[in-house]
Structures are given as C-alpha cells and as structure tokens.
N, C-alpha and C. Protein backbone atom coordinates (compact mmCIF):
# COMPACT_ATOMS: atom_id res chain seq x y z
N UNK A 1 248.75 49.55 148.89
CA UNK A 1 248.02 50.78 148.94
C UNK A 1 248.12 51.70 149.79
N UNK A 2 248.50 51.15 151.02
CA UNK A 2 248.76 51.77 152.28
C UNK A 2 249.99 52.77 151.93
N UNK A 3 251.04 52.28 151.28
CA UNK A 3 252.24 52.95 151.14
C UNK A 3 251.87 54.39 150.27
N UNK A 4 251.05 53.98 149.21
CA UNK A 4 250.57 54.97 148.24
C UNK A 4 250.12 56.07 148.97
N UNK A 5 248.92 55.80 149.89
CA UNK A 5 248.45 56.82 150.63
C UNK A 5 249.29 57.63 151.56
N UNK A 6 249.98 56.93 152.17
CA UNK A 6 251.09 57.69 153.05
C UNK A 6 251.97 58.64 152.27
N UNK A 7 252.46 58.11 150.86
CA UNK A 7 253.21 59.14 150.27
C UNK A 7 252.33 60.21 149.67
N UNK A 8 251.24 60.06 149.47
CA UNK A 8 250.22 61.29 148.97
C UNK A 8 250.05 62.06 150.16
N UNK A 9 249.83 61.65 151.31
CA UNK A 9 249.64 62.44 152.34
C UNK A 9 250.98 63.48 152.73
N UNK A 10 252.19 62.58 152.56
CA UNK A 10 253.36 63.34 152.74
C UNK A 10 253.50 64.34 151.67
N UNK A 11 253.38 64.05 150.48
CA UNK A 11 253.47 64.89 149.33
C UNK A 11 252.52 66.34 149.52
N UNK A 12 251.40 65.97 150.21
CA UNK A 12 250.34 67.08 150.24
C UNK A 12 251.05 68.02 151.31
N UNK A 13 251.53 67.47 152.37
CA UNK A 13 252.11 68.28 153.57
C UNK A 13 253.23 68.87 153.15
N UNK A 14 254.13 68.27 152.26
CA UNK A 14 255.42 69.10 151.77
C UNK A 14 254.92 70.27 150.95
N UNK A 15 253.87 70.17 150.01
CA UNK A 15 253.51 71.26 149.14
C UNK A 15 252.78 72.17 150.10
N UNK A 16 251.96 71.87 150.97
CA UNK A 16 251.44 73.12 151.98
C UNK A 16 252.52 73.68 152.60
N UNK A 17 253.44 73.14 152.86
CA UNK A 17 254.60 73.82 153.72
C UNK A 17 255.48 74.63 152.74
N UNK A 18 255.47 74.46 151.49
CA UNK A 18 256.08 75.33 150.71
C UNK A 18 255.21 76.44 149.89
N UNK A 19 253.77 76.26 150.33
CA UNK A 19 252.97 77.20 149.70
C UNK A 19 253.45 78.66 150.05
N UNK A 20 253.22 79.60 149.55
CA UNK A 20 253.31 81.05 149.80
C UNK A 20 252.14 81.39 150.83
N UNK A 21 252.70 82.08 151.82
CA UNK A 21 251.66 82.76 152.92
C UNK A 21 251.53 83.93 152.47
N UNK A 22 249.96 84.25 151.78
CA UNK A 22 249.68 85.62 151.15
C UNK A 22 249.99 86.82 152.35
N UNK A 23 249.76 86.48 153.64
CA UNK A 23 250.04 87.52 154.74
C UNK A 23 251.39 88.03 154.84
N UNK A 24 252.29 87.30 154.26
CA UNK A 24 253.84 87.51 154.58
C UNK A 24 254.17 88.50 153.18
N UNK A 25 253.34 88.78 152.21
CA UNK A 25 253.61 89.41 151.09
C UNK A 25 254.01 90.89 151.58
N UNK A 26 255.18 91.33 150.95
CA UNK A 26 255.80 92.63 151.60
C UNK A 26 255.23 93.74 150.74
N UNK A 27 254.48 94.73 151.39
CA UNK A 27 253.65 95.81 150.87
C UNK A 27 254.63 97.17 150.86
N UNK A 28 255.51 97.19 151.68
CA UNK A 28 256.32 98.41 151.69
C UNK A 28 257.60 98.01 152.77
N UNK A 29 258.33 99.03 152.97
CA UNK A 29 259.45 98.65 153.78
C UNK A 29 259.40 100.03 154.87
N UNK A 30 260.05 99.82 156.21
CA UNK A 30 260.05 101.02 157.12
C UNK A 30 261.40 101.12 157.54
N UNK A 31 261.91 102.25 157.61
CA UNK A 31 263.22 102.67 158.14
C UNK A 31 262.81 103.23 159.40
N UNK A 32 263.38 102.57 160.64
CA UNK A 32 263.38 103.19 161.95
C UNK A 32 264.86 103.64 162.44
N UNK A 33 264.90 104.87 162.92
CA UNK A 33 266.18 105.33 163.43
C UNK A 33 265.80 105.68 164.82
N UNK A 34 266.86 105.53 165.73
CA UNK A 34 266.81 105.88 166.94
C UNK A 34 267.68 107.16 167.34
N UNK A 35 267.26 108.13 167.55
CA UNK A 35 268.18 109.25 167.74
C UNK A 35 268.27 109.81 169.13
N UNK A 36 269.18 110.54 169.56
CA UNK A 36 269.48 111.26 170.69
C UNK A 36 269.58 112.75 170.90
N UNK A 37 268.58 113.40 171.29
CA UNK A 37 268.60 114.83 171.26
C UNK A 37 268.99 115.49 172.32
N UNK A 38 270.00 116.41 172.19
CA UNK A 38 270.52 117.28 173.40
C UNK A 38 270.96 118.52 173.00
N UNK A 39 270.61 119.51 173.86
CA UNK A 39 271.32 120.84 173.78
C UNK A 39 272.84 120.81 174.35
N UNK A 40 273.39 119.73 174.81
CA UNK A 40 274.64 119.93 175.26
C UNK A 40 275.44 119.21 174.33
N UNK A 41 276.78 119.38 174.49
CA UNK A 41 277.77 118.82 173.41
C UNK A 41 277.79 117.24 173.46
N UNK A 42 277.39 116.81 172.44
CA UNK A 42 277.06 115.41 171.88
C UNK A 42 278.43 114.60 172.35
N UNK A 43 279.41 114.91 171.99
CA UNK A 43 280.81 114.14 172.38
C UNK A 43 281.06 114.08 173.70
N UNK A 44 280.50 115.15 174.62
CA UNK A 44 280.71 114.86 175.97
C UNK A 44 279.71 114.10 176.59
N UNK A 45 278.54 113.92 176.11
CA UNK A 45 277.40 113.20 176.89
C UNK A 45 277.49 111.76 176.29
N UNK A 46 277.61 111.46 175.00
CA UNK A 46 277.85 110.02 174.47
C UNK A 46 278.94 110.11 173.54
N UNK A 47 280.25 110.02 173.80
CA UNK A 47 281.35 110.11 172.95
C UNK A 47 281.39 108.91 171.82
N UNK A 48 280.88 107.92 172.19
CA UNK A 48 280.86 106.68 171.06
C UNK A 48 279.53 106.70 170.06
N UNK A 49 278.78 107.62 170.13
CA UNK A 49 277.74 107.95 169.32
C UNK A 49 278.08 108.85 167.86
N UNK A 50 277.82 108.23 166.87
CA UNK A 50 278.02 109.24 165.73
C UNK A 50 276.81 110.47 165.77
N UNK A 51 277.33 111.49 164.97
CA UNK A 51 276.22 112.42 164.73
C UNK A 51 275.27 112.00 163.89
N UNK A 52 273.90 112.36 164.01
CA UNK A 52 273.16 112.09 163.01
C UNK A 52 273.06 112.91 161.90
N UNK A 53 272.43 112.31 160.85
CA UNK A 53 272.10 113.09 159.54
C UNK A 53 271.61 114.49 159.89
N UNK A 54 272.12 115.53 159.35
CA UNK A 54 271.58 116.89 159.42
C UNK A 54 270.01 116.98 159.00
N UNK A 55 269.77 116.18 158.26
CA UNK A 55 268.32 116.33 157.64
C UNK A 55 267.31 116.18 158.89
N UNK A 56 267.60 115.28 159.73
CA UNK A 56 266.82 115.03 161.02
C UNK A 56 266.77 116.42 161.79
N UNK A 57 267.71 117.05 161.92
CA UNK A 57 267.59 118.31 162.58
C UNK A 57 267.00 119.40 162.08
N UNK A 58 267.00 119.54 160.59
CA UNK A 58 266.18 120.45 159.75
C UNK A 58 264.77 119.96 159.91
N UNK A 59 264.28 118.81 159.85
CA UNK A 59 263.04 118.32 160.06
C UNK A 59 262.36 118.74 161.47
N UNK A 60 263.13 118.59 162.41
CA UNK A 60 262.55 118.86 163.79
C UNK A 60 262.58 120.17 164.18
N UNK A 61 263.19 121.31 163.40
CA UNK A 61 263.05 122.58 164.02
C UNK A 61 261.78 123.17 164.25
N UNK A 62 260.65 122.64 163.63
CA UNK A 62 259.39 123.30 164.02
C UNK A 62 258.86 122.54 165.10
N UNK A 63 259.33 121.48 165.54
CA UNK A 63 258.76 120.45 166.53
C UNK A 63 259.29 121.24 168.02
N UNK A 64 258.22 121.71 168.82
CA UNK A 64 258.66 122.48 169.74
C UNK A 64 259.46 121.44 170.91
N UNK A 65 258.96 120.43 171.31
CA UNK A 65 259.21 119.28 172.20
C UNK A 65 260.53 118.35 171.72
N UNK A 66 260.76 118.48 170.39
CA UNK A 66 261.83 117.58 169.96
C UNK A 66 262.95 118.49 169.10
N UNK A 67 263.10 119.70 169.53
CA UNK A 67 264.17 120.58 168.79
C UNK A 67 265.26 120.59 169.70
N UNK A 68 266.47 120.19 169.37
CA UNK A 68 267.70 120.04 170.04
C UNK A 68 268.87 120.67 169.42
N UNK A 69 269.77 121.17 169.97
CA UNK A 69 271.01 121.63 169.20
C UNK A 69 271.75 120.43 168.36
N UNK A 70 271.79 119.33 169.02
CA UNK A 70 272.59 118.16 168.47
C UNK A 70 271.83 116.83 168.67
N UNK A 71 272.11 115.98 167.70
CA UNK A 71 271.33 114.78 167.52
C UNK A 71 272.49 113.83 167.23
N UNK A 72 272.40 112.56 167.87
CA UNK A 72 273.23 111.52 167.59
C UNK A 72 272.34 110.45 167.05
N UNK A 73 273.07 109.49 166.49
CA UNK A 73 272.54 108.43 165.94
C UNK A 73 272.78 106.90 166.65
N UNK A 74 271.74 106.60 167.62
CA UNK A 74 271.99 105.46 168.21
C UNK A 74 271.79 103.97 167.43
N UNK A 75 270.92 104.12 166.38
CA UNK A 75 271.02 102.87 165.65
C UNK A 75 269.86 103.24 164.53
N UNK A 76 269.83 102.26 163.56
CA UNK A 76 269.02 102.31 162.49
C UNK A 76 268.72 101.11 161.91
N UNK A 77 267.53 100.79 161.45
CA UNK A 77 267.17 99.59 160.74
C UNK A 77 266.11 99.49 159.77
N UNK A 78 266.11 98.69 158.91
CA UNK A 78 265.07 98.83 157.66
C UNK A 78 264.20 97.31 157.69
N UNK A 79 263.09 97.42 158.00
CA UNK A 79 262.36 96.01 157.97
C UNK A 79 261.10 96.08 157.00
N UNK A 80 260.81 95.03 156.27
CA UNK A 80 259.62 94.91 155.53
C UNK A 80 258.32 95.09 156.31
N UNK A 81 257.48 95.33 155.66
CA UNK A 81 256.08 95.56 156.21
C UNK A 81 255.26 94.46 155.44
N UNK A 82 254.72 93.50 156.34
CA UNK A 82 253.91 92.35 155.75
C UNK A 82 252.55 92.70 155.75
N UNK A 83 251.75 92.23 154.79
CA UNK A 83 250.59 92.48 154.63
C UNK A 83 249.55 92.40 155.97
N UNK A 84 249.79 91.04 156.46
CA UNK A 84 248.83 90.57 157.57
C UNK A 84 249.59 90.29 159.05
N UNK A 85 250.62 90.73 159.19
CA UNK A 85 251.34 90.31 160.26
C UNK A 85 251.80 91.59 160.97
N UNK A 86 252.12 91.35 162.35
CA UNK A 86 252.67 92.47 163.26
C UNK A 86 254.13 92.37 162.91
N UNK A 87 254.85 93.49 162.72
CA UNK A 87 256.25 93.58 162.51
C UNK A 87 256.95 94.14 163.73
N UNK A 88 258.18 93.81 163.72
CA UNK A 88 258.87 94.44 164.88
C UNK A 88 260.27 95.12 164.41
N UNK A 89 260.57 96.20 164.89
CA UNK A 89 261.78 96.85 164.37
C UNK A 89 262.44 97.31 166.06
N UNK A 90 263.67 96.84 166.02
CA UNK A 90 264.79 97.07 166.97
C UNK A 90 265.95 97.85 166.68
N UNK A 91 265.87 99.24 166.31
CA UNK A 91 266.85 100.16 165.73
C UNK A 91 268.07 99.98 166.53
N UNK A 92 268.27 99.76 167.81
CA UNK A 92 269.50 99.87 168.41
C UNK A 92 269.85 98.43 168.54
N UNK A 93 270.70 97.92 167.75
CA UNK A 93 271.22 96.42 167.64
C UNK A 93 271.80 96.07 169.12
N UNK A 94 271.29 94.83 169.44
CA UNK A 94 271.59 94.15 170.65
C UNK A 94 270.89 94.69 171.90
N UNK A 95 269.68 95.52 171.82
CA UNK A 95 269.15 95.96 172.84
C UNK A 95 267.50 95.94 172.56
N UNK A 96 266.87 95.34 173.42
CA UNK A 96 265.56 95.42 173.35
C UNK A 96 264.57 96.44 174.26
N UNK A 97 265.52 97.43 174.33
CA UNK A 97 264.90 98.75 175.46
C UNK A 97 264.04 99.47 174.65
N UNK A 98 264.29 99.68 173.55
CA UNK A 98 263.25 100.57 172.64
C UNK A 98 262.78 99.56 171.34
N UNK A 99 261.54 99.22 171.34
CA UNK A 99 261.16 98.75 170.26
C UNK A 99 259.92 99.09 169.46
N UNK A 100 259.62 98.92 168.28
CA UNK A 100 258.39 99.67 167.53
C UNK A 100 257.71 98.25 166.95
N UNK A 101 256.46 98.13 167.06
CA UNK A 101 255.73 97.18 166.45
C UNK A 101 254.92 97.89 165.56
N UNK A 102 254.58 97.43 164.27
CA UNK A 102 253.82 98.11 163.20
C UNK A 102 253.12 97.11 162.50
N UNK A 103 252.02 97.36 162.09
CA UNK A 103 251.13 96.30 161.29
C UNK A 103 250.23 97.23 160.33
N UNK A 104 249.96 96.98 158.92
CA UNK A 104 249.17 97.64 158.18
C UNK A 104 247.74 97.79 158.80
N UNK A 105 247.10 98.93 158.64
CA UNK A 105 245.89 98.89 159.18
C UNK A 105 244.58 99.00 157.99
N UNK A 106 245.24 99.15 156.84
CA UNK A 106 244.29 99.11 155.59
C UNK A 106 245.35 98.90 154.35
N UNK A 107 244.65 98.66 153.34
CA UNK A 107 245.23 98.26 152.03
C UNK A 107 246.32 99.30 151.93
N UNK A 108 247.50 99.09 151.38
CA UNK A 108 248.52 99.70 151.04
C UNK A 108 248.41 100.37 149.63
N UNK A 109 248.52 101.77 149.57
CA UNK A 109 248.45 102.50 148.29
C UNK A 109 249.87 102.55 147.68
N UNK A 110 249.87 103.20 146.49
CA UNK A 110 251.22 103.31 146.00
C UNK A 110 252.05 104.50 146.47
N UNK A 111 251.55 105.41 147.27
CA UNK A 111 252.46 106.35 147.86
C UNK A 111 252.30 106.30 149.38
N UNK A 112 251.77 105.30 150.02
CA UNK A 112 251.73 105.09 151.36
C UNK A 112 250.87 104.01 151.87
N UNK A 113 250.83 103.95 153.30
CA UNK A 113 250.08 102.82 154.07
C UNK A 113 249.64 103.49 155.45
N UNK A 114 248.45 102.88 155.97
CA UNK A 114 248.23 103.47 157.24
C UNK A 114 248.73 102.36 158.19
N UNK A 115 249.28 102.73 159.31
CA UNK A 115 249.79 101.58 160.12
C UNK A 115 249.36 101.85 161.57
N UNK A 116 249.31 100.74 162.20
CA UNK A 116 248.98 100.62 163.59
C UNK A 116 250.49 100.54 164.27
N UNK A 117 250.76 101.62 164.85
CA UNK A 117 252.25 101.74 165.63
C UNK A 117 252.13 101.58 167.18
N UNK A 118 253.10 100.89 167.83
CA UNK A 118 253.22 100.66 169.16
C UNK A 118 254.55 100.96 169.51
N UNK A 119 255.05 101.66 170.48
CA UNK A 119 256.20 102.09 171.01
C UNK A 119 256.45 101.21 172.43
N UNK A 120 257.16 100.46 172.40
CA UNK A 120 257.62 99.72 173.41
C UNK A 120 258.99 100.15 174.18
N UNK A 121 259.05 100.24 175.49
CA UNK A 121 260.04 100.59 176.20
C UNK A 121 260.28 99.58 177.26
N UNK A 122 261.17 98.54 176.96
CA UNK A 122 261.39 97.36 177.83
C UNK A 122 260.33 96.49 177.36
N UNK A 123 259.71 95.76 178.29
CA UNK A 123 258.48 94.97 178.21
C UNK A 123 257.00 95.91 178.36
N UNK A 124 257.23 96.99 178.34
CA UNK A 124 256.06 98.07 178.72
C UNK A 124 255.70 98.77 177.29
N UNK A 125 254.52 98.79 176.98
CA UNK A 125 253.88 99.67 175.88
C UNK A 125 253.73 100.85 176.45
N UNK A 126 254.27 101.85 175.67
CA UNK A 126 254.21 103.18 176.34
C UNK A 126 253.49 104.21 175.17
N UNK A 127 253.20 103.73 174.01
CA UNK A 127 252.34 104.50 173.20
C UNK A 127 251.66 103.62 172.10
N UNK A 128 250.61 103.96 171.54
CA UNK A 128 249.84 103.20 170.73
C UNK A 128 249.03 104.08 169.76
N UNK A 129 249.28 104.01 168.54
CA UNK A 129 248.37 105.22 167.44
C UNK A 129 248.30 104.40 166.12
N UNK A 130 247.54 105.10 165.41
CA UNK A 130 247.25 104.65 163.89
C UNK A 130 247.55 105.94 163.00
N UNK A 131 248.45 105.73 162.42
CA UNK A 131 249.03 106.95 161.67
C UNK A 131 249.24 106.39 160.12
N UNK A 132 248.75 107.45 159.33
CA UNK A 132 248.96 107.26 157.70
C UNK A 132 250.39 107.60 157.52
N UNK A 133 251.39 106.83 156.85
CA UNK A 133 252.52 107.19 156.35
C UNK A 133 252.70 107.46 154.77
N UNK A 134 253.38 108.40 154.42
CA UNK A 134 253.70 108.59 152.93
C UNK A 134 255.14 108.15 152.65
N UNK A 135 255.29 107.73 151.39
CA UNK A 135 256.70 107.40 151.10
C UNK A 135 257.59 108.71 151.26
N UNK A 136 258.88 108.54 151.82
CA UNK A 136 259.73 109.37 151.81
C UNK A 136 259.53 110.46 153.04
N UNK A 137 258.58 110.34 153.87
CA UNK A 137 257.88 111.54 154.79
C UNK A 137 258.51 110.70 156.05
N UNK A 138 258.76 111.52 157.01
CA UNK A 138 259.42 111.12 158.15
C UNK A 138 258.36 111.38 159.47
N UNK A 139 258.18 110.34 160.23
CA UNK A 139 257.39 110.66 161.64
C UNK A 139 258.38 110.54 162.77
N UNK A 140 258.25 111.42 163.62
CA UNK A 140 259.14 111.44 164.76
C UNK A 140 258.22 111.26 165.95
N UNK A 141 258.65 110.46 166.76
CA UNK A 141 257.95 110.02 168.18
C UNK A 141 258.82 110.28 169.39
N UNK A 142 258.48 111.03 170.29
CA UNK A 142 259.32 111.38 171.43
C UNK A 142 259.46 110.19 172.26
N UNK A 143 260.49 109.88 172.66
CA UNK A 143 260.75 108.69 173.68
C UNK A 143 260.94 109.24 174.90
N UNK A 144 261.65 108.56 175.85
CA UNK A 144 261.82 108.97 177.14
C UNK A 144 263.27 109.85 177.20
N UNK A 145 263.19 110.60 178.32
CA UNK A 145 264.40 111.67 178.51
C UNK A 145 265.35 110.54 178.86
N UNK A 146 266.69 111.07 178.45
CA UNK A 146 267.86 110.27 178.68
C UNK A 146 269.12 111.26 178.74
N UNK A 147 269.95 110.83 179.75
CA UNK A 147 271.12 111.50 179.75
C UNK A 147 271.11 113.10 179.46
N UNK A 148 269.96 113.82 180.01
CA UNK A 148 269.94 115.05 179.79
C UNK A 148 269.42 115.28 178.53
N UNK A 149 268.96 114.56 177.82
CA UNK A 149 268.23 114.86 176.50
C UNK A 149 267.12 114.19 176.24
N UNK A 150 266.77 113.62 175.14
CA UNK A 150 265.56 112.75 174.61
C UNK A 150 265.86 111.75 173.75
N UNK A 151 265.33 110.56 173.97
CA UNK A 151 265.42 109.62 172.87
C UNK A 151 264.16 109.91 171.92
N UNK A 152 264.53 109.97 170.56
CA UNK A 152 263.40 110.20 169.62
C UNK A 152 263.55 108.92 168.53
N UNK A 153 262.33 108.47 168.20
CA UNK A 153 262.36 107.45 167.29
C UNK A 153 261.85 107.95 166.13
N UNK A 154 262.51 107.82 164.86
CA UNK A 154 262.26 108.54 163.54
C UNK A 154 261.81 107.23 162.58
N UNK A 155 260.43 107.28 161.88
CA UNK A 155 259.89 106.37 161.00
C UNK A 155 259.81 106.98 159.74
N UNK A 156 260.36 106.12 158.71
CA UNK A 156 260.28 106.55 157.26
C UNK A 156 259.83 105.28 156.51
N UNK A 157 258.82 105.81 155.73
CA UNK A 157 258.33 104.73 155.02
C UNK A 157 259.00 104.63 153.45
N UNK A 158 259.38 103.57 153.09
CA UNK A 158 260.11 103.26 151.92
C UNK A 158 259.41 102.45 151.01
N UNK A 159 259.32 102.97 149.68
CA UNK A 159 258.79 102.14 148.77
C UNK A 159 259.40 100.74 148.38
N UNK A 160 258.63 99.83 147.94
CA UNK A 160 259.23 98.61 147.61
C UNK A 160 260.33 98.80 146.50
N UNK A 161 260.28 99.62 145.63
CA UNK A 161 261.12 99.64 144.44
C UNK A 161 262.48 100.37 144.88
N UNK A 162 262.52 101.06 146.20
CA UNK A 162 263.84 101.54 146.48
C UNK A 162 264.52 100.51 147.41
N UNK A 163 265.69 100.37 147.01
CA UNK A 163 266.67 99.40 147.88
C UNK A 163 267.61 100.01 148.76
C-alpha cells in the first residue's frame, strides 16, 4: 500500500511538472535593436559596426534629440512577450551593459499591447515607463552618449503570426 501511495505521489509531481504555466503563454514578440547615432563618419568612429537599416533614419528625422546623419547597428534581438512574467532583452550579444526589461501591463489586443518598460545601463535602472505599443510601430528610447554620438534603443512589437 505504501508503494502505491509513493508511486501516486510521484506521478502527481511529474504531472504538475509537465503542466503548462499559463503565465508563460506568449502574447506577442518584441524586436529590440541597439543603434548608434552619430553626425561623424560611422566607419571612422566604429569601423566594425554595420550601417543600420535606412528605415530607422527615416523614422527619426522628426525626433530632435535622436536625429543624426549616420546610424550603426550594434545588435538586434527578438524575444517573446509572456503574459505574466518580466521578460529581458539584451540586443548587444555578449554584453549586459544595455538591457531592457518588459512586462505586459494589460490584456494583449489583436493590434498591440501596453508594456511596462525599464531600461538598464549595467546594474542601474535609468528609465521606467509604461507605453502602449502597436504592431509594426517603432518606439525609440534615447540611451547614453557614446563615442561622440548616442546609443538609441529601438523597440518594435511583432504579432505572433509574423515569424
């Protein structure tokens, strides 16, 4: 009888271990890019960094503090947005100097989600905001000055259906 009880308890623990955590349901995906904006010649300032997609420059033309002549792409990452957990993005591989934490603030809708966003520089939180994001729309966050230019974090909400 003791063996049956032990086996039943073990079976219950295995079942609980394999149960789906509803908080880890993916409600959308977030693309983060780390850009370097400069008015100098990009190849001279950071020769190892590729030129960023021209779409970023076009979207930032109207932003007074983030408009530069040249943009380099320091890194990019796509992460899932889980329903009930804080998610982390580290767009520059191998570095934890610039991090973004994000968590849904409300129910995800078909065309967007409201996120709590925190920008971390090293181990220091430098910005916290709640912002609604729409699919395919970019949000740019000014980062610290760097090498005579500025680091810029770009965030784009991607729908689940897009791969």
